[in-house]
């Protein structure tokens, strides 16, 4: 699912190093997913496909955790929201990946 809507919370756009790391992980996942597709099309063994899918899943999860950790750092330093609002937003972010 692709969306052009901006995120409502703080994100990696405020931290160039975090953004670089997230993009690198997503590019790695993209390459791994291409390998999974090629393996399926090439009738690779079930074990190989599952291992490659696991690698893709982990790469995407880690990118998500980087986004959340970046938001956490920025959210904690954002004095505009109440502590309760920040806690609720962070909980939503974590549960999204669960």
PDB file of N, CA and C in Angstrom:
ATOM      1  N   UNK A   1       0.836  -1.171   0.000  1.00  0.00           N
ATOM      2  CA  UNK A   1       0.000   0.000   0.000  1.00  0.00           C
ATOM      3  C   UNK A   1       0.883   1.237   0.000  1.00  0.00           C
ATOM      4  N   UNK A   2       0.616   2.129  -0.936  1.00  0.00           N
ATOM      5  CA  UNK A   2       1.426   3.332  -1.050  1.00  0.00           C
ATOM      6  C   UNK A   2       0.555   4.534  -0.754  1.00  0.00           C
ATOM      7  N   UNK A   3       1.095   5.453  -0.010  1.00  0.00           N
ATOM      8  CA  UNK A   3       0.355   6.661   0.310  1.00  0.00           C
ATOM      9  C   UNK A   3       1.274   7.860   0.178  1.00  0.00           C
ATOM     10  N   UNK A   4       0.702   8.967  -0.253  1.00  0.00           N
ATOM     11  CA  UNK A   4       1.467  10.199  -0.376  1.00  0.00           C
ATOM     12  C   UNK A   4       1.216  11.120   0.810  1.00  0.00           C
ATOM     13  N   UNK A   5       0.363  10.695   1.728  1.00  0.00           N
ATOM     14  CA  UNK A   5       0.045  11.517   2.886  1.00  0.00           C
ATOM     15  C   UNK A   5       1.236  11.562   3.834  1.00  0.00           C
ATOM     16  N   UNK A   6       1.557  12.739   4.366  1.00  0.00           N
ATOM     17  CA  UNK A   6       2.668  12.833   5.314  1.00  0.00           C
ATOM     18  C   UNK A   6       2.301  12.175   6.634  1.00  0.00           C
ATOM     19  N   UNK A   7       3.312  11.700   7.341  1.00  0.00           N
ATOM     20  CA  UNK A   7       3.087  11.133   8.656  1.00  0.00           C
ATOM     21  C   UNK A   7       2.728  12.251   9.618  1.00  0.00           C
ATOM     22  N   UNK A   8       1.842  11.940  10.547  1.00  0.00           N
ATOM     23  CA  UNK A   8       1.407  12.951  11.505  1.00  0.00           C
ATOM     24  C   UNK A   8       2.369  13.104  12.666  1.00  0.00           C
ATOM     25  N   UNK A   9       3.276  12.156  12.822  1.00  0.00           N
ATOM     26  CA  UNK A   9       4.210  12.212  13.940  1.00  0.00           C
ATOM     27  C   UNK A   9       5.593  12.566  13.445  1.00  0.00           C
ATOM     28  N   UNK A  10       6.455  12.867  14.364  1.00  0.00           N
ATOM     29  CA  UNK A  10       7.846  13.140  14.019  1.00  0.00           C
ATOM     30  C   UNK A  10       8.446  11.908  13.377  1.00  0.00           C
ATOM     31  N   UNK A  11       9.311  12.124  12.424  1.00  0.00           N
ATOM     32  CA  UNK A  11       9.873  10.981  11.732  1.00  0.00           C
ATOM     33  C   UNK A  11      11.319  11.191  11.379  1.00  0.00           C
ATOM     34  N   UNK A  12      11.856  10.284  10.578  1.00  0.00           N
ATOM     35  CA  UNK A  12      13.273  10.338  10.257  1.00  0.00           C
ATOM     36  C   UNK A  12      13.672  11.545   9.425  1.00  0.00           C
ATOM     37  N   UNK A  13      12.684  12.288   8.872  1.00  0.00           N
ATOM     38  CA  UNK A  13      13.039  13.449   8.066  1.00  0.00           C
ATOM     39  C   UNK A  13      13.767  14.505   8.886  1.00  0.00           C
ATOM     40  N   UNK A  14      13.677  14.422  10.205  1.00  0.00           N
ATOM     41  CA  UNK A  14      14.364  15.372  11.067  1.00  0.00           C
ATOM     42  C   UNK A  14      15.771  14.922  11.437  1.00  0.00           C
ATOM     43  N   UNK A  15      16.108  13.691  11.128  1.00  0.00           N
ATOM     44  CA  UNK A  15      17.415  13.127  11.462  1.00  0.00           C
ATOM     45  C   UNK A  15      17.994  12.468  10.209  1.00  0.00           C
ATOM     46  N   UNK A  16      18.877  13.167   9.497  1.00  0.00           N
ATOM     47  CA  UNK A  16      19.406  12.635   8.236  1.00  0.00           C
ATOM     48  C   UNK A  16      20.102  11.283   8.388  1.00  0.00           C
ATOM     49  N   UNK A  17      20.792  11.062   9.489  1.00  0.00           N
ATOM     50  CA  UNK A  17      21.477   9.783   9.690  1.00  0.00           C
ATOM     51  C   UNK A  17      20.473   8.652   9.876  1.00  0.00           C
ATOM     52  N   UNK A  18      19.417   8.906  10.632  1.00  0.00           N
ATOM     53  CA  UNK A  18      18.370   7.893  10.809  1.00  0.00           C
ATOM     54  C   UNK A  18      17.696   7.602   9.475  1.00  0.00           C
ATOM     55  N   UNK A  19      17.449   8.645   8.709  1.00  0.00           N
ATOM     56  CA  UNK A  19      16.822   8.461   7.395  1.00  0.00           C
ATOM     57  C   UNK A  19      17.706   7.596   6.504  1.00  0.00           C
ATOM     58  N   UNK A  20      18.999   7.846   6.505  1.00  0.00           N
ATOM     59  CA  UNK A  20      19.926   7.061   5.694  1.00  0.00           C
ATOM     60  C   UNK A  20      19.880   5.589   6.093  1.00  0.00           C
ATOM     61  N   UNK A  21      19.897   5.333   7.396  1.00  0.00           N
ATOM     62  CA  UNK A  21      19.861   3.953   7.882  1.00  0.00           C
ATOM     63  C   UNK A  21      18.555   3.257   7.501  1.00  0.00           C
ATOM     64  N   UNK A  22      17.453   3.967   7.629  1.00  0.00           N
ATOM     65  CA  UNK A  22      16.148   3.387   7.285  1.00  0.00           C
ATOM     66  C   UNK A  22      16.086   3.062   5.801  1.00  0.00           C
ATOM     67  N   UNK A  23      16.514   3.999   4.972  1.00  0.00           N
ATOM     68  CA  UNK A  23      16.499   3.768   3.522  1.00  0.00           C
ATOM     69  C   UNK A  23      17.401   2.597   3.157  1.00  0.00           C
ATOM     70  N   UNK A  24      18.567   2.498   3.776  1.00  0.00           N
ATOM     71  CA  UNK A  24      19.461   1.365   3.497  1.00  0.00           C
ATOM     72  C   UNK A  24      18.808   0.039   3.851  1.00  0.00           C
ATOM     73  N   UNK A  25      18.149  -0.021   4.991  1.00  0.00           N
ATOM     74  CA  UNK A  25      17.473  -1.265   5.387  1.00  0.00           C
ATOM     75  C   UNK A  25      16.344  -1.608   4.419  1.00  0.00           C
ATOM     76  N   UNK A  26      15.596  -0.603   4.010  1.00  0.00           N
ATOM     77  CA  UNK A  26      14.498  -0.855   3.076  1.00  0.00           C
ATOM     78  C   UNK A  26      15.018  -1.277   1.704  1.00  0.00           C
ATOM     79  N   UNK A  27      16.122  -0.700   1.276  1.00  0.00           N
ATOM     80  CA  UNK A  27      16.719  -1.135   0.003  1.00  0.00           C
ATOM     81  C   UNK A  27      17.195  -2.585   0.098  1.00  0.00           C
ATOM     82  N   UNK A  28      17.762  -2.933   1.232  1.00  0.00           N
ATOM     83  CA  UNK A  28      18.197  -4.312   1.449  1.00  0.00           C
ATOM     84  C   UNK A  28      16.987  -5.248   1.394  1.00  0.00           C
ATOM     85  N   UNK A  29      15.909  -4.860   2.054  1.00  0.00           N
ATOM     86  CA  UNK A  29      14.686  -5.674   2.036  1.00  0.00           C
ATOM     87  C   UNK A  29      14.137  -5.789   0.620  1.00  0.00           C
ATOM     88  N   UNK A  30      14.207  -4.710  -0.127  1.00  0.00           N
ATOM     89  CA  UNK A  30      13.743  -4.714  -1.514  1.00  0.00           C
ATOM     90  C   UNK A  30      14.532  -5.734  -2.335  1.00  0.00           C
ATOM     91  N   UNK A  31      15.840  -5.731  -2.181  1.00  0.00           N
ATOM     92  CA  UNK A  31      16.681  -6.695  -2.892  1.00  0.00           C
ATOM     93  C   UNK A  31      16.401  -8.122  -2.451  1.00  0.00           C
ATOM     94  N   UNK A  32      16.192  -8.301  -1.153  1.00  0.00           N
ATOM     95  CA  UNK A  32      15.890  -9.639  -0.644  1.00  0.00           C
ATOM     96  C   UNK A  32      14.536 -10.125  -1.154  1.00  0.00           C
ATOM     97  N   UNK A  33      13.572  -9.229  -1.253  1.00  0.00           N
ATOM     98  CA  UNK A  33      12.265  -9.613  -1.771  1.00  0.00           C
ATOM     99  C   UNK A  33      12.357 -10.003  -3.245  1.00  0.00           C
ATOM    100  N   UNK A  34      13.170  -9.283  -4.000  1.00  0.00           N
ATOM    101  CA  UNK A  34      13.388  -9.649  -5.403  1.00  0.00           C
ATOM    102  C   UNK A  34      13.990 -11.047  -5.497  1.00  0.00           C
ATOM    103  N   UNK A  35      14.883 -11.373  -4.570  1.00  0.00           N
ATOM    104  CA  UNK A  35      15.483 -12.711  -4.551  1.00  0.00           C
ATOM    105  C   UNK A  35      14.443 -13.775  -4.212  1.00  0.00           C
ATOM    106  N   UNK A  36      13.510 -13.453  -3.327  1.00  0.00           N
ATOM    107  CA  UNK A  36      12.441 -14.399  -2.991  1.00  0.00           C
ATOM    108  C   UNK A  36      11.575 -14.663  -4.217  1.00  0.00           C
ATOM    109  N   UNK A  37      11.215 -13.611  -4.911  1.00  0.00           N
ATOM    110  CA  UNK A  37      10.392 -13.760  -6.112  1.00  0.00           C
ATOM    111  C   UNK A  37      11.112 -14.615  -7.140  1.00  0.00           C
ATOM    112  N   UNK A  38      12.389 -14.335  -7.348  1.00  0.00           N
ATOM    113  CA  UNK A  38      13.173 -15.124  -8.306  1.00  0.00           C
ATOM    114  C   UNK A  38      13.257 -16.582  -7.868  1.00  0.00           C
ATOM    115  N   UNK A  39      13.402 -16.812  -6.569  1.00  0.00           N
ATOM    116  CA  UNK A  39      13.482 -18.181  -6.061  1.00  0.00           C
ATOM    117  C   UNK A  39      12.175 -18.928  -6.302  1.00  0.00           C
ATOM    118  N   UNK A  40      11.058 -18.267  -6.059  1.00  0.00           N
ATOM    119  CA  UNK A  40       9.759 -18.904  -6.288  1.00  0.00           C
ATOM    120  C   UNK A  40       9.563 -19.179  -7.776  1.00  0.00           C
ATOM    121  N   UNK A  41       9.878 -18.188  -8.596  1.00  0.00           N
ATOM    122  CA  UNK A  41       9.736 -18.376 -10.049  1.00  0.00           C
ATOM    123  C   UNK A  41      10.667 -19.466 -10.566  1.00  0.00           C
ATOM    124  N   UNK A  42      11.817 -19.618  -9.922  1.00  0.00           N
ATOM    125  CA  UNK A  42      12.789 -20.620 -10.340  1.00  0.00           C
ATOM    126  C   UNK A  42      12.598 -21.967  -9.668  1.00  0.00           C
ATOM    127  N   UNK A  43      11.470 -22.130  -8.993  1.00  0.00           N
ATOM    128  CA  UNK A  43      11.153 -23.396  -8.320  1.00  0.00           C
ATOM    129  C   UNK A  43      12.209 -23.804  -7.295  1.00  0.00           C
ATOM    130  N   UNK A  44      12.698 -22.831  -6.538  1.00  0.00           N
ATOM    131  CA  UNK A  44      13.672 -23.123  -5.477  1.00  0.00           C
ATOM    132  C   UNK A  44      12.999 -23.938  -4.381  1.00  0.00           C
ATOM    133  N   UNK A  45      13.811 -24.567  -3.586  1.00  0.00           N
ATOM    134  CA  UNK A  45      13.287 -25.377  -2.495  1.00  0.00           C
ATOM    135  C   UNK A  45      12.578 -24.545  -1.444  1.00  0.00           C
ATOM    136  N   UNK A  46      11.662 -25.186  -0.759  1.00  0.00           N
ATOM    137  CA  UNK A  46      10.862 -24.530   0.274  1.00  0.00           C
ATOM    138  C   UNK A  46      11.754 -23.898   1.342  1.00  0.00           C
ATOM    139  N   UNK A  47      12.779 -24.597   1.763  1.00  0.00           N
ATOM    140  CA  UNK A  47      13.672 -24.097   2.813  1.00  0.00           C
ATOM    141  C   UNK A  47      14.346 -22.793   2.380  1.00  0.00           C
ATOM    142  N   UNK A  48      14.814 -22.738   1.136  1.00  0.00           N
ATOM    143  CA  UNK A  48      15.464 -21.525   0.636  1.00  0.00           C
ATOM    144  C   UNK A  48      14.492 -20.346   0.618  1.00  0.00           C
ATOM    145  N   UNK A  49      13.283 -20.594   0.151  1.00  0.00           N
ATOM    146  CA  UNK A  49      12.282 -19.526   0.074  1.00  0.00           C
ATOM    147  C   UNK A  49      11.941 -19.016   1.472  1.00  0.00           C
ATOM    148  N   UNK A  50      11.749 -19.925   2.410  1.00  0.00           N
ATOM    149  CA  UNK A  50      11.400 -19.522   3.776  1.00  0.00           C
ATOM    150  C   UNK A  50      12.538 -18.727   4.416  1.00  0.00           C
ATOM    151  N   UNK A  51      13.780 -19.144   4.206  1.00  0.00           N
ATOM    152  CA  UNK A  51      14.921 -18.403   4.763  1.00  0.00           C
ATOM    153  C   UNK A  51      14.983 -16.995   4.185  1.00  0.00           C
ATOM    154  N   UNK A  52      14.749 -16.880   2.886  1.00  0.00           N
ATOM    155  CA  UNK A  52      14.788 -15.563   2.260  1.00  0.00           C
ATOM    156  C   UNK A  52      13.627 -14.690   2.739  1.00  0.00           C
ATOM    157  N   UNK A  53      12.456 -15.283   2.906  1.00  0.00           N
ATOM    158  CA  UNK A  53      11.318 -14.523   3.435  1.00  0.00           C
ATOM    159  C   UNK A  53      11.593 -14.036   4.854  1.00  0.00           C
ATOM    160  N   UNK A  54      12.243 -14.862   5.636  1.00  0.00           N
ATOM    161  CA  UNK A  54      12.598 -14.476   6.996  1.00  0.00           C
ATOM    162  C   UNK A  54      13.534 -13.269   6.984  1.00  0.00           C
ATOM    163  N   UNK A  55      14.486 -13.270   6.079  1.00  0.00           N
ATOM    164  CA  UNK A  55      15.425 -12.146   5.975  1.00  0.00           C
ATOM    165  C   UNK A  55      14.698 -10.864   5.587  1.00  0.00           C
ATOM    166  N   UNK A  56      13.751 -10.963   4.653  1.00  0.00           N
ATOM    167  CA  UNK A  56      12.971  -9.793   4.242  1.00  0.00           C
ATOM    168  C   UNK A  56      12.175  -9.256   5.429  1.00  0.00           C
ATOM    169  N   UNK A  57      11.520 -10.148   6.128  1.00  0.00           N
ATOM    170  CA  UNK A  57      10.696  -9.755   7.267  1.00  0.00           C
ATOM    171  C   UNK A  57      11.530  -9.046   8.334  1.00  0.00           C
ATOM    172  N   UNK A  58      12.693  -9.581   8.636  1.00  0.00           N
ATOM    173  CA  UNK A  58      13.560  -8.969   9.647  1.00  0.00           C
ATOM    174  C   UNK A  58      14.049  -7.595   9.204  1.00  0.00           C
ATOM    175  N   UNK A  59      14.397  -7.464   7.932  1.00  0.00           N
ATOM    176  CA  UNK A  59      14.871  -6.171   7.430  1.00  0.00           C
ATOM    177  C   UNK A  59      13.776  -5.114   7.533  1.00  0.00           C
ATOM    178  N   UNK A  60      12.554  -5.491   7.197  1.00  0.00           N
ATOM    179  CA  UNK A  60      11.439  -4.545   7.281  1.00  0.00           C
ATOM    180  C   UNK A  60      11.136  -4.210   8.739  1.00  0.00           C
ATOM    181  N   UNK A  61      11.137  -5.216   9.604  1.00  0.00           N
ATOM    182  CA  UNK A  61      10.901  -4.965  11.029  1.00  0.00           C
ATOM    183  C   UNK A  61      11.939  -4.004  11.594  1.00  0.00           C
ATOM    184  N   UNK A  62      13.187  -4.220  11.253  1.00  0.00           N
ATOM    185  CA  UNK A  62      14.247  -3.352  11.788  1.00  0.00           C
ATOM    186  C   UNK A  62      14.121  -1.928  11.268  1.00  0.00           C
ATOM    187  N   UNK A  63      13.706  -1.773  10.022  1.00  0.00           N
ATOM    188  CA  UNK A  63      13.465  -0.427   9.497  1.00  0.00           C
ATOM    189  C   UNK A  63      12.337   0.231  10.289  1.00  0.00           C
ATOM    190  N   UNK A  64      11.296  -0.525  10.564  1.00  0.00           N
ATOM    191  CA  UNK A  64      10.186   0.013  11.354  1.00  0.00           C
ATOM    192  C   UNK A  64      10.617   0.417  12.750  1.00  0.00           C
ATOM    193  N   UNK A  65      11.451  -0.412  13.368  1.00  0.00           N
ATOM    194  CA  UNK A  65      11.935  -0.077  14.707  1.00  0.00           C
ATOM    195  C   UNK A  65      12.816   1.167  14.679  1.00  0.00           C
ATOM    196  N   UNK A  66      13.576   1.350  13.614  1.00  0.00           N
ATOM    197  CA  UNK A  66      14.376   2.573  13.492  1.00  0.00           C
ATOM    198  C   UNK A  66      13.479   3.799  13.383  1.00  0.00           C
ATOM    199  N   UNK A  67      12.393   3.676  12.629  1.00  0.00           N
ATOM    200  CA  UNK A  67      11.447   4.788  12.517  1.00  0.00           C
ATOM    201  C   UNK A  67      10.867   5.109  13.890  1.00  0.00           C
ATOM    202  N   UNK A  68      10.470   4.077  14.611  1.00  0.00           N
ATOM    203  CA  UNK A  68       9.883   4.288  15.937  1.00  0.00           C
ATOM    204  C   UNK A  68      10.900   4.878  16.906  1.00  0.00           C
ATOM    205  N   UNK A  69      12.129   4.382  16.890  1.00  0.00           N
ATOM    206  CA  UNK A  69      13.124   4.917  17.824  1.00  0.00           C
ATOM    207  C   UNK A  69      13.431   6.374  17.516  1.00  0.00           C
ATOM    208  N   UNK A  70      13.430   6.730  16.237  1.00  0.00           N
ATOM    209  CA  UNK A  70      13.636   8.125  15.859  1.00  0.00           C
ATOM    210  C   UNK A  70      12.471   8.975  16.343  1.00  0.00           C
ATOM    211  N   UNK A  71      11.258   8.471  16.145  1.00  0.00           N
ATOM    212  CA  UNK A  71      10.080   9.205  16.607  1.00  0.00           C
ATOM    213  C   UNK A  71      10.089   9.333  18.122  1.00  0.00           C
ATOM    214  N   UNK A  72      10.530   8.284  18.801  1.00  0.00           N
ATOM    215  CA  UNK A  72      10.600   8.310  20.263  1.00  0.00           C
ATOM    216  C   UNK A  72      11.527   9.423  20.732  1.00  0.00           C
ATOM    217  N   UNK A  73      12.700   9.504  20.139  1.00  0.00           N
ATOM    218  CA  UNK A  73      13.659  10.547  20.530  1.00  0.00           C
ATOM    219  C   UNK A  73      13.074  11.937  20.300  1.00  0.00           C
ATOM    220  N   UNK A  74      12.439  12.112  19.144  1.00  0.00           N
ATOM    221  CA  UNK A  74      11.893  13.424  18.820  1.00  0.00           C
ATOM    222  C   UNK A  74      10.655  13.730  19.644  1.00  0.00           C
ATOM    223  N   UNK A  75       9.863  12.703  19.885  1.00  0.00           N
ATOM    224  CA  UNK A  75       8.639  12.896  20.658  1.00  0.00           C
ATOM    225  C   UNK A  75       8.966  13.299  22.092  1.00  0.00           C
ATOM    226  N   UNK A  76       9.992  12.685  22.650  1.00  0.00           N
ATOM    227  CA  UNK A  76      10.374  13.008  24.020  1.00  0.00           C
ATOM    228  C   UNK A  76      10.910  14.431  24.141  1.00  0.00           C
ATOM    229  N   UNK A  77      11.454  14.947  23.060  1.00  0.00           N
ATOM    230  CA  UNK A  77      11.993  16.303  23.107  1.00  0.00           C
ATOM    231  C   UNK A  77      10.975  17.347  22.657  1.00  0.00           C
ATOM    232  N   UNK A  78       9.793  16.914  22.215  1.00  0.00           N
ATOM    233  CA  UNK A  78       8.751  17.824  21.744  1.00  0.00           C
ATOM    234  C   UNK A  78       7.937  18.323  22.933  1.00  0.00           C
ATOM    235  N   UNK A  79       8.090  19.581  23.238  1.00  0.00           N
ATOM    236  CA  UNK A  79       7.393  20.149  24.392  1.00  0.00           C
ATOM    237  C   UNK A  79       5.966  20.560  24.055  1.00  0.00           C
ATOM    238  N   UNK A  80       5.562  20.483  22.784  1.00  0.00           N
ATOM    239  CA  UNK A  80       4.240  20.937  22.371  1.00  0.00           C
ATOM    240  C   UNK A  80       3.103  20.040  22.813  1.00  0.00           C
ATOM    241  N   UNK A  81       3.333  18.749  22.941  1.00  0.00           N
ATOM    242  CA  UNK A  81       2.287  17.804  23.321  1.00  0.00           C
ATOM    243  C   UNK A  81       2.385  17.481  24.807  1.00  0.00           C
ATOM    244  N   UNK A  82       1.253  17.086  25.361  1.00  0.00           N
ATOM    245  CA  UNK A  82       1.266  16.661  26.761  1.00  0.00           C
ATOM    246  C   UNK A  82       1.940  15.300  26.862  1.00  0.00           C
ATOM    247  N   UNK A  83       2.366  14.963  28.060  1.00  0.00           N
ATOM    248  CA  UNK A  83       3.018  13.668  28.285  1.00  0.00           C
ATOM    249  C   UNK A  83       2.074  12.527  27.919  1.00  0.00           C
ATOM    250  N   UNK A  84       0.797  12.672  28.236  1.00  0.00           N
ATOM    251  CA  UNK A  84      -0.197  11.642  27.922  1.00  0.00           C
ATOM    252  C   UNK A  84      -0.335  11.469  26.408  1.00  0.00           C
ATOM    253  N   UNK A  85      -0.384  12.574  25.671  1.00  0.00           N
ATOM    254  CA  UNK A  85      -0.500  12.499  24.208  1.00  0.00           C
ATOM    255  C   UNK A  85       0.718  11.820  23.597  1.00  0.00           C
ATOM    256  N   UNK A  86       1.906  12.146  24.089  1.00  0.00           N
ATOM    257  CA  UNK A  86       3.129  11.514  23.575  1.00  0.00           C
ATOM    258  C   UNK A  86       3.120  10.024  23.865  1.00  0.00           C
ATOM    259  N   UNK A  87       2.725   9.645  25.065  1.00  0.00           N
ATOM    260  CA  UNK A  87       2.686   8.227  25.439  1.00  0.00           C
ATOM    261  C   UNK A  87       1.695   7.466  24.564  1.00  0.00           C
ATOM    262  N   UNK A  88       0.535   8.046  24.316  1.00  0.00           N
ATOM    263  CA  UNK A  88      -0.476   7.389  23.481  1.00  0.00           C
ATOM    264  C   UNK A  88       0.017   7.229  22.046  1.00  0.00           C
ATOM    265  N   UNK A  89       0.661   8.243  21.525  1.00  0.00           N
ATOM    266  CA  UNK A  89       1.166   8.174  20.150  1.00  0.00           C
ATOM    267  C   UNK A  89       2.252   7.116  20.023  1.00  0.00           C
ATOM    268  N   UNK A  90       3.154   7.059  20.984  1.00  0.00           N
ATOM    269  CA  UNK A  90       4.212   6.047  20.955  1.00  0.00           C
ATOM    270  C   UNK A  90       3.638   4.641  21.074  1.00  0.00           C
ATOM    271  N   UNK A  91       2.620   4.483  21.901  1.00  0.00           N
ATOM    272  CA  UNK A  91       1.978   3.173  22.026  1.00  0.00           C
ATOM    273  C   UNK A  91       1.373   2.753  20.688  1.00  0.00           C
ATOM    274  N   UNK A  92       0.732   3.682  19.997  1.00  0.00           N
ATOM    275  CA  UNK A  92       0.159   3.378  18.679  1.00  0.00           C
ATOM    276  C   UNK A  92       1.246   2.940  17.703  1.00  0.00           C
ATOM    277  N   UNK A  93       2.378   3.635  17.727  1.00  0.00           N
ATOM    278  CA  UNK A  93       3.472   3.275  16.825  1.00  0.00           C
ATOM    279  C   UNK A  93       3.978   1.865  17.104  1.00  0.00           C
ATOM    280  N   UNK A  94       4.197   1.551  18.358  1.00  0.00           N
ATOM    281  CA  UNK A  94       4.688   0.213  18.714  1.00  0.00           C
ATOM    282  C   UNK A  94       3.686  -0.864  18.331  1.00  0.00           C
ATOM    283  N   UNK A  95       2.410  -0.626  18.604  1.00  0.00           N
ATOM    284  CA  UNK A  95       1.393  -1.631  18.305  1.00  0.00           C
ATOM    285  C   UNK A  95       1.205  -1.829  16.806  1.00  0.00           C
ATOM    286  N   UNK A  96       1.511  -0.827  16.028  1.00  0.00           N
ATOM    287  CA  UNK A  96       1.422  -0.960  14.578  1.00  0.00           C
ATOM    288  C   UNK A  96       2.355  -2.044  14.074  1.00  0.00           C
ATOM    289  N   UNK A  97       3.518  -2.180  14.689  1.00  0.00           N
ATOM    290  CA  UNK A  97       4.481  -3.204  14.264  1.00  0.00           C
ATOM    291  C   UNK A  97       4.240  -4.561  14.906  1.00  0.00           C
ATOM    292  N   UNK A  98       3.380  -4.607  15.904  1.00  0.00           N
ATOM    293  CA  UNK A  98       3.152  -5.879  16.615  1.00  0.00           C
ATOM    294  C   UNK A  98       2.375  -6.875  15.763  1.00  0.00           C
TER     295      UNK A  98
END
